[in-house]
Protein backbone atom coordinates (compact mmCIF):
# COMPACT_ATOMS: atom_id res chain seq x y z
CA UNK A 1 62.00 7.57 19.13
CA UNK A 2 59.22 7.76 17.03
CA UNK A 3 59.75 10.16 14.38
CA UNK A 4 57.48 13.02 13.48
CA UNK A 5 55.18 12.24 10.60
CA UNK A 6 54.70 13.84 7.58
CA UNK A 7 51.93 16.00 6.92
CA UNK A 8 50.53 15.98 3.20
CA UNK A 9 48.49 18.69 2.01
CA UNK A 10 46.32 18.16 -0.78
CA UNK A 11 46.68 19.88 -3.63
CA UNK A 12 43.08 21.99 -5.03
CA UNK A 13 41.54 20.83 -8.21
CA UNK A 14 42.03 22.68 -11.61
CA UNK A 15 39.65 24.84 -12.64
CA UNK A 16 38.62 24.35 -16.15
CA UNK A 17 36.47 27.07 -17.32
CA UNK A 18 35.64 28.28 -14.57
CA UNK A 19 36.59 28.89 -10.52
CA UNK A 20 35.64 26.05 -9.09
CA UNK A 21 32.82 27.16 -6.64
CA UNK A 22 30.59 28.59 -9.93
CA UNK A 23 31.36 25.45 -11.72
CA UNK A 24 28.12 23.99 -11.00
CA UNK A 25 25.86 27.07 -11.35
CA UNK A 26 23.33 26.59 -14.61
CA UNK A 27 24.35 29.28 -16.56
CA UNK A 28 28.34 28.23 -16.39
CA UNK A 29 27.20 24.93 -17.54
CA UNK A 30 24.92 25.93 -20.42
CA UNK A 31 27.84 28.89 -21.47
CA UNK A 32 30.62 26.20 -21.03
CA UNK A 33 28.67 23.63 -22.78
CA UNK A 34 28.41 26.24 -26.00
CA UNK A 35 32.11 26.79 -25.70
CA UNK A 36 32.92 23.14 -26.32
CA UNK A 37 29.93 22.47 -28.15
CA UNK A 38 32.07 25.11 -30.85
CA UNK A 39 35.56 23.89 -30.35
CA UNK A 40 36.59 26.57 -28.06
CA UNK A 41 39.06 26.02 -25.76
CA UNK A 42 38.61 26.20 -22.27
CA UNK A 43 41.22 27.48 -19.87
CA UNK A 44 42.59 25.45 -17.50
CA UNK A 45 43.87 26.95 -13.54
CA UNK A 46 46.08 24.95 -12.47
CA UNK A 47 45.48 24.01 -8.96
CA UNK A 48 48.78 23.56 -7.87
CA UNK A 49 51.14 26.08 -7.57
CA UNK A 50 53.10 27.34 -10.30
CA UNK A 51 56.63 29.48 -10.94
CA UNK A 52 56.19 32.90 -12.37
CA UNK A 53 57.90 31.28 -15.29
CA UNK A 54 55.68 28.43 -15.88
CA UNK A 55 52.50 29.80 -15.34
CA UNK A 56 53.10 32.75 -18.47
CA UNK A 57 54.39 30.41 -20.40
CA UNK A 58 52.61 27.46 -22.87
CA UNK A 59 52.21 25.54 -19.71
CA UNK A 60 49.44 27.93 -17.92
CA UNK A 61 46.25 29.05 -19.03
CA UNK A 62 45.40 28.98 -22.79
CA UNK A 63 41.06 30.09 -23.60
CA UNK A 64 38.18 30.91 -22.34
CA UNK A 65 37.43 31.37 -18.92
CA UNK A 66 34.18 32.31 -17.34
CA UNK A 67 33.67 34.69 -14.33
CA UNK A 68 29.60 35.33 -12.68
CA UNK A 69 28.26 38.63 -13.18
CA UNK A 70 25.28 40.73 -12.26
CA UNK A 71 21.85 38.91 -12.22
CA UNK A 72 22.23 36.05 -15.00
CA UNK A 73 25.25 37.89 -16.26
CA UNK A 74 28.48 35.66 -16.90
CA UNK A 75 32.08 37.53 -18.01
CA UNK A 76 34.62 35.72 -20.48
CA UNK A 77 37.84 36.57 -20.64
CA UNK A 78 40.43 34.92 -22.68
CA UNK A 79 44.00 33.70 -21.53
CA UNK A 80 47.02 33.90 -23.32
CA UNK A 81 50.41 32.51 -22.12
CA UNK A 82 48.54 32.49 -18.16
CA UNK A 83 47.55 36.34 -18.89
CA UNK A 84 44.04 37.56 -19.81
CA UNK A 85 45.80 41.12 -20.14
CA UNK A 86 49.07 42.76 -21.71
CA UNK A 87 50.67 44.21 -18.53
CA UNK A 88 54.25 43.71 -18.72
CA UNK A 89 54.74 42.52 -22.41
CA UNK A 90 57.06 44.56 -24.33
CA UNK A 91 55.30 46.40 -27.31
CA UNK A 92 56.62 43.51 -30.07
CA UNK A 93 54.32 41.04 -27.83
CA UNK A 94 51.80 43.09 -27.67
CA UNK A 95 50.56 43.68 -30.86
CA UNK A 96 51.19 40.30 -31.66
CA UNK A 97 48.64 38.63 -28.21
CA UNK A 98 46.25 42.00 -28.70
CA UNK A 99 45.40 40.78 -32.56
CA UNK A 100 45.62 36.91 -30.68
CA UNK A 101 42.77 38.14 -28.23
CA UNK A 102 40.81 40.34 -30.22
CA UNK A 103 40.48 37.50 -32.67
CA UNK A 104 39.21 34.61 -29.68
CA UNK A 105 36.89 36.95 -28.06
CA UNK A 106 34.96 37.83 -31.07
CA UNK A 107 34.50 34.45 -32.07
CA UNK A 108 33.42 33.65 -28.73
CA UNK A 109 30.91 36.53 -29.11
CA UNK A 110 29.92 34.68 -32.26
CA UNK A 111 29.09 31.48 -31.15
CA UNK A 112 27.27 32.79 -28.12
CA UNK A 113 25.18 35.46 -30.34
CA UNK A 114 24.61 32.45 -32.28
CA UNK A 115 22.97 30.01 -29.30
CA UNK A 116 20.27 33.13 -28.85
CA UNK A 117 22.36 34.91 -25.85
CA UNK A 118 22.59 38.46 -25.22
CA UNK A 119 26.27 39.75 -26.10
CA UNK A 120 28.34 42.80 -25.15
CA UNK A 121 31.92 44.01 -26.00
CA UNK A 122 33.93 45.21 -23.39
CA UNK A 123 36.61 46.93 -25.35
CA UNK A 124 39.84 49.22 -23.60
CA UNK A 125 39.96 53.01 -24.08
CA UNK A 126 43.33 53.60 -23.84
CA UNK A 127 44.80 52.51 -26.43
CA UNK A 128 44.85 53.76 -30.19
CA UNK A 129 44.04 50.36 -31.66
CA UNK A 130 41.54 48.16 -30.42
CA UNK A 131 42.23 46.10 -27.62
CA UNK A 132 39.13 43.53 -26.37
CA UNK A 133 39.31 43.21 -22.64
CA UNK A 134 36.35 40.47 -22.67
CA UNK A 135 32.72 39.30 -24.24
CA UNK A 136 29.60 39.87 -21.17
CA UNK A 137 27.27 37.25 -21.96
CA UNK A 138 22.76 36.72 -20.68
CA UNK A 139 21.58 33.61 -21.67
CA UNK A 140 18.15 34.06 -22.87
CA UNK A 141 15.04 34.11 -20.61
CA UNK A 142 13.57 30.63 -19.99
CA UNK A 143 10.46 30.23 -20.67
CA UNK A 144 8.96 31.22 -16.70
CA UNK A 145 11.37 33.50 -16.08
CA UNK A 146 10.60 37.43 -17.60
CA UNK A 147 13.75 39.46 -17.95
CA UNK A 148 13.71 42.08 -15.08
CA UNK A 149 12.54 44.55 -17.73
CA UNK A 150 11.77 44.55 -21.52
CA UNK A 151 12.71 46.72 -24.14
CA UNK A 152 8.92 48.34 -23.91
CA UNK A 153 9.35 48.52 -20.10
CA UNK A 154 13.03 49.78 -19.97
CA UNK A 155 11.79 52.87 -22.51
CA UNK A 156 8.62 53.61 -20.59
CA UNK A 157 10.35 53.63 -17.63
CA UNK A 158 12.84 56.27 -18.66
CA UNK A 159 9.94 58.91 -19.81
CA UNK A 160 8.28 58.12 -16.51
CA UNK A 161 11.18 59.02 -14.69
CA UNK A 162 12.77 61.71 -17.20
CA UNK A 163 16.09 60.65 -17.48
CA UNK A 164 17.75 62.92 -19.61
CA UNK A 165 21.54 61.78 -21.65
CA UNK A 166 23.86 61.86 -18.30
CA UNK A 167 21.44 61.43 -15.73
CA UNK A 168 22.56 57.77 -15.13
CA UNK A 169 25.74 57.94 -16.03
CA UNK A 170 27.42 57.53 -12.79
CA UNK A 171 25.69 55.47 -11.33
CA UNK A 172 26.13 52.91 -13.49
CA UNK A 173 29.75 53.10 -12.92
CA UNK A 174 29.55 52.40 -9.49
CA UNK A 175 27.28 49.44 -9.90
CA UNK A 176 29.80 48.08 -12.39
CA UNK A 177 32.47 49.03 -10.57
CA UNK A 178 30.41 47.34 -7.21
CA UNK A 179 29.66 44.26 -9.16
CA UNK A 180 33.88 44.55 -10.55
CA UNK A 181 34.59 44.15 -6.62
CA UNK A 182 32.71 41.26 -6.52
CA UNK A 183 34.71 39.64 -9.05
CA UNK A 184 37.87 40.55 -7.21
CA UNK A 185 37.00 39.15 -4.02
CA UNK A 186 35.74 36.20 -5.99
CA UNK A 187 39.66 35.44 -7.52
CA UNK A 188 39.52 36.94 -10.25
CA UNK A 189 43.04 37.08 -12.39
CA UNK A 190 44.80 34.92 -10.09
CA UNK A 191 47.72 35.93 -12.62
CA UNK A 192 48.24 39.21 -11.13
CA UNK A 193 49.55 40.47 -7.93
CA UNK A 194 46.65 41.48 -5.30
CA UNK A 195 47.07 45.15 -6.42
CA UNK A 196 47.09 44.45 -9.98
CA UNK A 197 44.09 42.53 -10.19
CA UNK A 198 42.01 44.54 -8.45
CA UNK A 199 43.21 47.43 -10.93
CA UNK A 200 42.12 45.17 -13.98
CA UNK A 201 38.83 44.73 -13.15
CA UNK A 202 37.99 47.87 -12.08
CA UNK A 203 39.74 49.12 -15.50
CA UNK A 204 36.92 46.30 -17.15
CA UNK A 205 34.24 47.38 -15.22
CA UNK A 206 34.80 51.15 -16.31
CA UNK A 207 34.58 49.91 -19.95
CA UNK A 208 31.56 47.56 -19.36
CA UNK A 209 30.43 50.75 -18.09
CA UNK A 210 31.53 53.38 -21.03
CA UNK A 211 29.86 50.92 -23.28
CA UNK A 212 26.24 50.60 -21.51
CA UNK A 213 27.01 54.25 -20.83
CA UNK A 214 27.39 54.87 -25.35
CA UNK A 215 24.04 52.76 -26.07
CA UNK A 216 21.47 55.45 -24.83
CA UNK A 217 19.54 55.58 -21.26
CA UNK A 218 17.33 52.53 -22.23
CA UNK A 219 20.16 50.39 -21.87
CA UNK A 220 20.91 51.96 -19.02
CA UNK A 221 17.84 51.07 -17.27
CA UNK A 222 18.10 47.63 -18.66
CA UNK A 223 22.03 47.14 -17.44
CA UNK A 224 20.26 48.77 -13.68
CA UNK A 225 17.45 46.15 -13.83
CA UNK A 226 19.77 43.17 -13.99
CA UNK A 227 22.05 44.79 -11.49
CA UNK A 228 18.94 45.38 -9.02
CA UNK A 229 17.33 41.89 -9.56
CA UNK A 230 13.83 43.14 -9.68
CA UNK A 231 11.63 45.68 -10.85
CA UNK A 232 11.08 47.48 -7.22
CA UNK A 233 14.28 47.41 -6.55
CA UNK A 234 15.65 49.45 -10.36
CA UNK A 235 12.21 51.68 -9.34
CA UNK A 236 13.60 52.67 -6.12
CA UNK A 237 17.64 53.26 -7.19
CA UNK A 238 15.74 55.02 -10.01
CA UNK A 239 13.71 57.33 -7.96
CA UNK A 240 16.88 58.24 -5.69
CA UNK A 241 19.22 58.69 -8.46
CA UNK A 242 16.11 61.16 -10.57
CA UNK A 243 14.26 62.11 -7.39
CA UNK A 244 14.34 66.72 -7.12
CA UNK A 245 16.81 67.96 -4.38
CA UNK A 246 14.30 69.04 -1.44
CA UNK A 247 13.39 72.72 -1.90
CA UNK A 248 15.04 75.10 0.44
CA UNK A 249 12.69 77.87 2.72
CA UNK A 250 13.45 81.06 1.51
CA UNK A 251 14.71 83.23 3.75
CA UNK A 252 13.18 85.78 6.29
CA UNK A 253 13.34 89.38 4.77
CA UNK A 254 14.30 91.98 7.54
């Protein structure tokens, strides 16, 4: 009588600093090299399943973790005891963790800025004290690849399309949240439930959009240029947003 063979399921590899499917992306490779050269801790998301109490402890992810963003932009979050945020923490824990994460992300921002990268800080608008959510970074343009639009081109597009204060606020929010949806689909916040992960990426997207909108129309145009990927796509988007409503035919007077 033959016995039923034991099925051994392979254990997924740990994700060190980034999810495995993005580990060979050139921008990610360069970002991880910058962090490691500066001695910044990189978080490891275990491939094996951990119990909740194990994940949210010193055994869980600790340090910087990278997520792909729109275009060449990367999003750098910071794990502390398996969490990228403050959900479920008591107020005493929150104060300590918030200060530690703020300090860590400030260092991350400085490391990338010193390396010549463009840095965007994403912070919560819902707390009385400063709460850093993550740092968004973009590598310097390679010699053979010009940025989608330069500062001067962004200013020219603002003038050409007659973009005023607030005109692009909504479309920036939409673009940031579309990028957030891609991040969610890519497995962001593995330490959270599905619903909480969805809410978190969109909260972060709103904070990112708010940061861009507060920097004025030229910054909005540059953000949308990275989102669209090409000048043609950007001009099409701006044309749709800024086009005047169709004139209505005057009603006949009887």
